[in-house]
Every structure is written in structure tokens, then in C-alpha cells.
């Protein structure tokens, strides 16, 4: 379903995952 509405929803979902992953891994300051 290559519609703009579908794309907006998918990109928001991916952004949510990105933020969560960065939050989960951001507490370890000894590892980059």
C-alpha cells in the first residue's frame, strides 16, 4: 500500500522504534 497515508504511519512507527532503541542503549556511557 504505497500511499502517503500509509507512509506517514510507517515512518512514525520506525521513528518510535529508533527513539526507544536509542533510549535503551544510551545509559551505557562506557560503550559507543
ModelCIF file with pLDDT and N, C-alpha, C, O atoms, coordinates in Angstrom:
data_MODEL
#
_entry.id   MODEL 
#
_entity.id                         1 
_entity.type                       polymer 
_entity.pdbx_number_of_molecules   1 
#
_entity_poly.entity_id                      1 
_entity_poly.type                           'polypeptide(L)' 
_entity_poly.nstd_linkage                   no 
_entity_poly.nstd_monomer                   no 
_entity_poly.pdbx_seq_one_letter_code       
;(UNK)(UNK)(UNK)(UNK)(UNK)(UNK)(UNK)(UNK)(UNK)(UNK)(UNK)(UNK)(UNK)(UNK)(UNK)(UNK)
(UNK)(UNK)(UNK)(UNK)(UNK)(UNK)(UNK)(UNK)(UNK)(UNK)(UNK)(UNK)(UNK)(UNK)(UNK)(UNK)
;
_entity_poly.pdbx_seq_one_letter_code_can   XXXXXXXXXXXXXXXXXXXXXXXXXXXXXXXX 
_entity_poly.pdbx_strand_id                 A 
#
loop_
_entity_poly_seq.entity_id 
_entity_poly_seq.num 
_entity_poly_seq.mon_id 
_entity_poly_seq.hetero 
1 1  UNK n 
1 2  UNK n 
1 3  UNK n 
1 4  UNK n 
1 5  UNK n 
1 6  UNK n 
1 7  UNK n 
1 8  UNK n 
1 9  UNK n 
1 10 UNK n 
1 11 UNK n 
1 12 UNK n 
1 13 UNK n 
1 14 UNK n 
1 15 UNK n 
1 16 UNK n 
1 17 UNK n 
1 18 UNK n 
1 19 UNK n 
1 20 UNK n 
1 21 UNK n 
1 22 UNK n 
1 23 UNK n 
1 24 UNK n 
1 25 UNK n 
1 26 UNK n 
1 27 UNK n 
1 28 UNK n 
1 29 UNK n 
1 30 UNK n 
1 31 UNK n 
1 32 UNK n 
#
_struct_asym.id          A 
_struct_asym.entity_id   1 
#
loop_
_ma_qa_metric.id 
_ma_qa_metric.mode 
_ma_qa_metric.name 
_ma_qa_metric.software_group_id 
_ma_qa_metric.type 
1 global pLDDT . pLDDT 
2 local  pLDDT . pLDDT 
#
_ma_qa_metric_global.metric_id      1 
_ma_qa_metric_global.metric_value   89.22 
_ma_qa_metric_global.model_id       1 
_ma_qa_metric_global.ordinal_id     1 
#
loop_
_ma_qa_metric_local.label_asym_id 
_ma_qa_metric_local.label_comp_id 
_ma_qa_metric_local.label_seq_id 
_ma_qa_metric_local.metric_id 
_ma_qa_metric_local.metric_value 
_ma_qa_metric_local.model_id 
_ma_qa_metric_local.ordinal_id 
A UNK 1  2 98.00 1 1  
A UNK 2  2 98.00 1 2  
A UNK 3  2 98.00 1 3  
A UNK 4  2 98.00 1 4  
A UNK 5  2 98.00 1 5  
A UNK 6  2 98.00 1 6  
A UNK 7  2 98.00 1 7  
A UNK 8  2 98.00 1 8  
A UNK 9  2 98.00 1 9  
A UNK 10 2 98.00 1 10 
A UNK 11 2 98.00 1 11 
A UNK 12 2 98.00 1 12 
A UNK 13 2 98.00 1 13 
A UNK 14 2 98.00 1 14 
A UNK 15 2 98.00 1 15 
A UNK 16 2 98.00 1 16 
A UNK 17 2 97.00 1 17 
A UNK 18 2 96.00 1 18 
A UNK 19 2 95.00 1 19 
A UNK 20 2 95.00 1 20 
A UNK 21 2 92.00 1 21 
A UNK 22 2 90.00 1 22 
A UNK 23 2 89.00 1 23 
A UNK 24 2 84.00 1 24 
A UNK 25 2 78.00 1 25 
A UNK 26 2 68.00 1 26 
A UNK 27 2 58.00 1 27 
A UNK 28 2 62.00 1 28 
A UNK 29 2 60.00 1 29 
A UNK 30 2 68.00 1 30 
A UNK 31 2 76.00 1 31 
A UNK 32 2 79.00 1 32 
#
loop_
_atom_site.group_PDB 
_atom_site.id 
_atom_site.type_symbol 
_atom_site.label_atom_id 
_atom_site.label_alt_id 
_atom_site.label_comp_id 
_atom_site.label_asym_id 
_atom_site.label_entity_id 
_atom_site.label_seq_id 
_atom_site.pdbx_PDB_ins_code 
_atom_site.Cartn_x 
_atom_site.Cartn_y 
_atom_site.Cartn_z 
_atom_site.occupancy 
_atom_site.B_iso_or_equiv 
_atom_site.pdbx_formal_charge 
_atom_site.auth_seq_id 
_atom_site.auth_comp_id 
_atom_site.auth_asym_id 
_atom_site.auth_atom_id 
_atom_site.pdbx_PDB_model_num 
ATOM 1   N N  . UNK A 1 1  ? 0.843  -1.192 0.000  1.00 98.00 ? 1  UNK A N  1 
ATOM 2   C CA . UNK A 1 1  ? 0.000  0.000  0.000  1.00 98.00 ? 1  UNK A CA 1 
ATOM 3   C C  . UNK A 1 1  ? 0.884  1.251  0.000  1.00 98.00 ? 1  UNK A C  1 
ATOM 4   O O  . UNK A 1 1  ? 1.135  1.827  1.059  1.00 98.00 ? 1  UNK A O  1 
ATOM 5   N N  . UNK A 1 2  ? 1.363  1.680  -1.188 1.00 98.00 ? 2  UNK A N  1 
ATOM 6   C CA . UNK A 1 2  ? 2.317  2.798  -1.265 1.00 98.00 ? 2  UNK A CA 1 
ATOM 7   C C  . UNK A 1 2  ? 1.660  4.177  -1.248 1.00 98.00 ? 2  UNK A C  1 
ATOM 8   O O  . UNK A 1 2  ? 2.015  5.046  -2.044 1.00 98.00 ? 2  UNK A O  1 
ATOM 9   N N  . UNK A 1 3  ? 0.708  4.375  -0.346 1.00 98.00 ? 3  UNK A N  1 
ATOM 10  C CA . UNK A 1 3  ? 0.043  5.663  -0.255 1.00 98.00 ? 3  UNK A CA 1 
ATOM 11  C C  . UNK A 1 3  ? 0.774  6.562  0.740  1.00 98.00 ? 3  UNK A C  1 
ATOM 12  O O  . UNK A 1 3  ? 1.531  6.082  1.583  1.00 98.00 ? 3  UNK A O  1 
ATOM 13  N N  . UNK A 1 4  ? 0.540  7.868  0.633  1.00 98.00 ? 4  UNK A N  1 
ATOM 14  C CA . UNK A 1 4  ? 1.171  8.807  1.556  1.00 98.00 ? 4  UNK A CA 1 
ATOM 15  C C  . UNK A 1 4  ? 0.699  8.569  2.988  1.00 98.00 ? 4  UNK A C  1 
ATOM 16  O O  . UNK A 1 4  ? 1.487  8.659  3.930  1.00 98.00 ? 4  UNK A O  1 
ATOM 17  N N  . UNK A 1 5  ? -0.567 8.269  3.146  1.00 98.00 ? 5  UNK A N  1 
ATOM 18  C CA . UNK A 1 5  ? -1.089 8.000  4.494  1.00 98.00 ? 5  UNK A CA 1 
ATOM 19  C C  . UNK A 1 5  ? -0.391 6.806  5.116  1.00 98.00 ? 5  UNK A C  1 
ATOM 20  O O  . UNK A 1 5  ? -0.005 6.850  6.285  1.00 98.00 ? 5  UNK A O  1 
ATOM 21  N N  . UNK A 1 6  ? -0.226 5.753  4.357  1.00 98.00 ? 6  UNK A N  1 
ATOM 22  C CA . UNK A 1 6  ? 0.477  4.572  4.877  1.00 98.00 ? 6  UNK A CA 1 
ATOM 23  C C  . UNK A 1 6  ? 1.924  4.907  5.194  1.00 98.00 ? 6  UNK A C  1 
ATOM 24  O O  . UNK A 1 6  ? 2.447  4.479  6.223  1.00 98.00 ? 6  UNK A O  1 
ATOM 25  N N  . UNK A 1 7  ? 2.576  5.669  4.322  1.00 98.00 ? 7  UNK A N  1 
ATOM 26  C CA . UNK A 1 7  ? 3.976  6.016  4.542  1.00 98.00 ? 7  UNK A CA 1 
ATOM 27  C C  . UNK A 1 7  ? 4.132  6.851  5.813  1.00 98.00 ? 7  UNK A C  1 
ATOM 28  O O  . UNK A 1 7  ? 5.045  6.610  6.603  1.00 98.00 ? 7  UNK A O  1 
ATOM 29  N N  . UNK A 1 8  ? 3.250  7.828  6.015  1.00 98.00 ? 8  UNK A N  1 
ATOM 30  C CA . UNK A 1 8  ? 3.334  8.647  7.229  1.00 98.00 ? 8  UNK A CA 1 
ATOM 31  C C  . UNK A 1 8  ? 3.248  7.775  8.477  1.00 98.00 ? 8  UNK A C  1 
ATOM 32  O O  . UNK A 1 8  ? 3.991  7.976  9.438  1.00 98.00 ? 8  UNK A O  1 
ATOM 33  N N  . UNK A 1 9  ? 2.343  6.812  8.455  1.00 98.00 ? 9  UNK A N  1 
ATOM 34  C CA . UNK A 1 9  ? 2.184  5.929  9.608  1.00 98.00 ? 9  UNK A CA 1 
ATOM 35  C C  . UNK A 1 9  ? 3.413  5.059  9.824  1.00 98.00 ? 9  UNK A C  1 
ATOM 36  O O  . UNK A 1 9  ? 3.857  4.882  10.959 1.00 98.00 ? 9  UNK A O  1 
ATOM 37  N N  . UNK A 1 10 ? 3.966  4.516  8.747  1.00 98.00 ? 10 UNK A N  1 
ATOM 38  C CA . UNK A 1 10 ? 5.134  3.634  8.863  1.00 98.00 ? 10 UNK A CA 1 
ATOM 39  C C  . UNK A 1 10 ? 6.361  4.397  9.355  1.00 98.00 ? 10 UNK A C  1 
ATOM 40  O O  . UNK A 1 10 ? 7.098  3.901  10.207 1.00 98.00 ? 10 UNK A O  1 
ATOM 41  N N  . UNK A 1 11 ? 6.583  5.587  8.831  1.00 98.00 ? 11 UNK A N  1 
ATOM 42  C CA . UNK A 1 11 ? 7.746  6.370  9.256  1.00 98.00 ? 11 UNK A CA 1 
ATOM 43  C C  . UNK A 1 11 ? 7.618  6.780  10.724 1.00 98.00 ? 11 UNK A C  1 
ATOM 44  O O  . UNK A 1 11 ? 8.619  6.839  11.438 1.00 98.00 ? 11 UNK A O  1 
ATOM 45  N N  . UNK A 1 12 ? 6.414  7.057  11.173 1.00 98.00 ? 12 UNK A N  1 
ATOM 46  C CA . UNK A 1 12 ? 6.214  7.360  12.591 1.00 98.00 ? 12 UNK A CA 1 
ATOM 47  C C  . UNK A 1 12 ? 6.516  6.138  13.451 1.00 98.00 ? 12 UNK A C  1 
ATOM 48  O O  . UNK A 1 12 ? 7.123  6.263  14.515 1.00 98.00 ? 12 UNK A O  1 
ATOM 49  N N  . UNK A 1 13 ? 6.096  4.959  13.000 1.00 98.00 ? 13 UNK A N  1 
ATOM 50  C CA . UNK A 1 13 ? 6.389  3.732  13.744 1.00 98.00 ? 13 UNK A CA 1 
ATOM 51  C C  . UNK A 1 13 ? 7.894  3.485  13.821 1.00 98.00 ? 13 UNK A C  1 
ATOM 52  O O  . UNK A 1 13 ? 8.412  3.125  14.878 1.00 98.00 ? 13 UNK A O  1 
ATOM 53  N N  . UNK A 1 14 ? 8.593  3.678  12.709 1.00 98.00 ? 14 UNK A N  1 
ATOM 54  C CA . UNK A 1 14 ? 10.040 3.469  12.692 1.00 98.00 ? 14 UNK A CA 1 
ATOM 55  C C  . UNK A 1 14 ? 10.751 4.489  13.570 1.00 98.00 ? 14 UNK A C  1 
ATOM 56  O O  . UNK A 1 14 ? 11.733 4.162  14.236 1.00 98.00 ? 14 UNK A O  1 
ATOM 57  N N  . UNK A 1 15 ? 10.260 5.714  13.573 1.00 98.00 ? 15 UNK A N  1 
ATOM 58  C CA . UNK A 1 15 ? 10.851 6.733  14.434 1.00 98.00 ? 15 UNK A CA 1 
ATOM 59  C C  . UNK A 1 15 ? 10.659 6.373  15.909 1.00 98.00 ? 15 UNK A C  1 
ATOM 60  O O  . UNK A 1 15 ? 11.557 6.591  16.723 1.00 98.00 ? 15 UNK A O  1 
ATOM 61  N N  . UNK A 1 16 ? 9.503  5.827  16.252 1.00 98.00 ? 16 UNK A N  1 
ATOM 62  C CA . UNK A 1 16 ? 9.262  5.396  17.631 1.00 98.00 ? 16 UNK A CA 1 
ATOM 63  C C  . UNK A 1 16 ? 10.241 4.310  18.045 1.00 98.00 ? 16 UNK A C  1 
ATOM 64  O O  . UNK A 1 16 ? 10.763 4.329  19.160 1.00 98.00 ? 16 UNK A O  1 
ATOM 65  N N  . UNK A 1 17 ? 10.492 3.359  17.141 1.00 97.00 ? 17 UNK A N  1 
ATOM 66  C CA . UNK A 1 17 ? 11.454 2.295  17.439 1.00 97.00 ? 17 UNK A CA 1 
ATOM 67  C C  . UNK A 1 17 ? 12.854 2.878  17.591 1.00 97.00 ? 17 UNK A C  1 
ATOM 68  O O  . UNK A 1 17 ? 13.590 2.497  18.501 1.00 97.00 ? 17 UNK A O  1 
ATOM 69  N N  . UNK A 1 18 ? 13.226 3.802  16.705 1.00 96.00 ? 18 UNK A N  1 
ATOM 70  C CA . UNK A 1 18 ? 14.565 4.415  16.791 1.00 96.00 ? 18 UNK A CA 1 
ATOM 71  C C  . UNK A 1 18 ? 14.761 5.100  18.140 1.00 96.00 ? 18 UNK A C  1 
ATOM 72  O O  . UNK A 1 18 ? 15.794 4.912  18.784 1.00 96.00 ? 18 UNK A O  1 
ATOM 73  N N  . UNK A 1 19 ? 13.794 5.884  18.570 1.00 95.00 ? 19 UNK A N  1 
ATOM 74  C CA . UNK A 1 19 ? 13.913 6.604  19.837 1.00 95.00 ? 19 UNK A CA 1 
ATOM 75  C C  . UNK A 1 19 ? 14.019 5.624  20.997 1.00 95.00 ? 19 UNK A C  1 
ATOM 76  O O  . UNK A 1 19 ? 14.819 5.819  21.912 1.00 95.00 ? 19 UNK A O  1 
ATOM 77  N N  . UNK A 1 20 ? 13.210 4.569  20.955 1.00 95.00 ? 20 UNK A N  1 
ATOM 78  C CA . UNK A 1 20 ? 13.234 3.597  22.050 1.00 95.00 ? 20 UNK A CA 1 
ATOM 79  C C  . UNK A 1 20 ? 14.570 2.865  22.111 1.00 95.00 ? 20 UNK A C  1 
ATOM 80  O O  . UNK A 1 20 ? 15.120 2.665  23.194 1.00 95.00 ? 20 UNK A O  1 
ATOM 81  N N  . UNK A 1 21 ? 15.092 2.467  20.956 1.00 92.00 ? 21 UNK A N  1 
ATOM 82  C CA . UNK A 1 21 ? 16.385 1.770  20.923 1.00 92.00 ? 21 UNK A CA 1 
ATOM 83  C C  . UNK A 1 21 ? 17.492 2.680  21.447 1.00 92.00 ? 21 UNK A C  1 
ATOM 84  O O  . UNK A 1 21 ? 18.338 2.250  22.231 1.00 92.00 ? 21 UNK A O  1 
ATOM 85  N N  . UNK A 1 22 ? 17.483 3.942  21.010 1.00 90.00 ? 22 UNK A N  1 
ATOM 86  C CA . UNK A 1 22 ? 18.495 4.883  21.487 1.00 90.00 ? 22 UNK A CA 1 
ATOM 87  C C  . UNK A 1 22 ? 18.381 5.107  22.990 1.00 90.00 ? 22 UNK A C  1 
ATOM 88  O O  . UNK A 1 22 ? 19.394 5.236  23.677 1.00 90.00 ? 22 UNK A O  1 
ATOM 89  N N  . UNK A 1 23 ? 17.163 5.154  23.502 1.00 89.00 ? 23 UNK A N  1 
ATOM 90  C CA . UNK A 1 23 ? 16.956 5.328  24.942 1.00 89.00 ? 23 UNK A CA 1 
ATOM 91  C C  . UNK A 1 23 ? 17.485 4.131  25.711 1.00 89.00 ? 23 UNK A C  1 
ATOM 92  O O  . UNK A 1 23 ? 18.143 4.287  26.740 1.00 89.00 ? 23 UNK A O  1 
ATOM 93  N N  . UNK A 1 24 ? 17.192 2.919  25.207 1.00 84.00 ? 24 UNK A N  1 
ATOM 94  C CA . UNK A 1 24 ? 17.623 1.693  25.892 1.00 84.00 ? 24 UNK A CA 1 
ATOM 95  C C  . UNK A 1 24 ? 19.134 1.563  25.928 1.00 84.00 ? 24 UNK A C  1 
ATOM 96  O O  . UNK A 1 24 ? 19.686 1.056  26.904 1.00 84.00 ? 24 UNK A O  1 
ATOM 97  N N  . UNK A 1 25 ? 19.818 2.015  24.874 1.00 78.00 ? 25 UNK A N  1 
ATOM 98  C CA . UNK A 1 25 ? 21.267 1.845  24.794 1.00 78.00 ? 25 UNK A CA 1 
ATOM 99  C C  . UNK A 1 25 ? 22.037 3.067  25.272 1.00 78.00 ? 25 UNK A C  1 
ATOM 100 O O  . UNK A 1 25 ? 23.262 3.019  25.385 1.00 78.00 ? 25 UNK A O  1 
ATOM 101 N N  . UNK A 1 26 ? 21.334 4.166  25.556 1.00 68.00 ? 26 UNK A N  1 
ATOM 102 C CA . UNK A 1 26 ? 22.026 5.404  25.888 1.00 68.00 ? 26 UNK A CA 1 
ATOM 103 C C  . UNK A 1 26 ? 22.514 5.511  27.310 1.00 68.00 ? 26 UNK A C  1 
ATOM 104 O O  . UNK A 1 26 ? 23.200 6.473  27.653 1.00 68.00 ? 26 UNK A O  1 
ATOM 105 N N  . UNK A 1 27 ? 22.174 4.539  28.154 1.00 58.00 ? 27 UNK A N  1 
ATOM 106 C CA . UNK A 1 27 ? 22.574 4.611  29.556 1.00 58.00 ? 27 UNK A CA 1 
ATOM 107 C C  . UNK A 1 27 ? 24.004 4.142  29.781 1.00 58.00 ? 27 UNK A C  1 
ATOM 108 O O  . UNK A 1 27 ? 24.589 4.417  30.829 1.00 58.00 ? 27 UNK A O  1 
ATOM 109 N N  . UNK A 1 28 ? 24.572 3.435  28.805 1.00 62.00 ? 28 UNK A N  1 
ATOM 110 C CA . UNK A 1 28 ? 25.920 2.891  28.967 1.00 62.00 ? 28 UNK A CA 1 
ATOM 111 C C  . UNK A 1 28 ? 26.922 3.874  28.371 1.00 62.00 ? 28 UNK A C  1 
ATOM 112 O O  . UNK A 1 28 ? 27.117 3.902  27.156 1.00 62.00 ? 28 UNK A O  1 
ATOM 113 N N  . UNK A 1 29 ? 27.546 4.664  29.202 1.00 60.00 ? 29 UNK A N  1 
ATOM 114 C CA . UNK A 1 29 ? 28.482 5.678  28.728 1.00 60.00 ? 29 UNK A CA 1 
ATOM 115 C C  . UNK A 1 29 ? 29.883 5.112  28.469 1.00 60.00 ? 29 UNK A C  1 
ATOM 116 O O  . UNK A 1 29 ? 30.761 5.828  27.987 1.00 60.00 ? 29 UNK A O  1 
ATOM 117 N N  . UNK A 1 30 ? 30.093 3.838  28.785 1.00 68.00 ? 30 UNK A N  1 
ATOM 118 C CA . UNK A 1 30 ? 31.408 3.228  28.559 1.00 68.00 ? 30 UNK A CA 1 
ATOM 119 C C  . UNK A 1 30 ? 31.492 2.566  27.192 1.00 68.00 ? 30 UNK A C  1 
ATOM 120 O O  . UNK A 1 30 ? 32.538 2.030  26.825 1.00 68.00 ? 30 UNK A O  1 
ATOM 121 N N  . UNK A 1 31 ? 30.398 2.599  26.435 1.00 76.00 ? 31 UNK A N  1 
ATOM 122 C CA . UNK A 1 31 ? 30.344 1.883  25.159 1.00 76.00 ? 31 UNK A CA 1 
ATOM 123 C C  . UNK A 1 31 ? 29.720 2.799  24.114 1.00 76.00 ? 31 UNK A C  1 
ATOM 124 O O  . UNK A 1 31 ? 28.686 3.423  24.355 1.00 76.00 ? 31 UNK A O  1 
ATOM 125 N N  . UNK A 1 32 ? 30.357 2.871  22.957 1.00 79.00 ? 32 UNK A N  1 
ATOM 126 C CA . UNK A 1 32 ? 29.817 3.678  21.868 1.00 79.00 ? 32 UNK A CA 1 
ATOM 127 C C  . UNK A 1 32 ? 29.823 2.850  20.583 1.00 79.00 ? 32 UNK A C  1 
ATOM 128 O O  . UNK A 1 32 ? 29.407 3.338  19.532 1.00 79.00 ? 32 UNK A O  1 
#
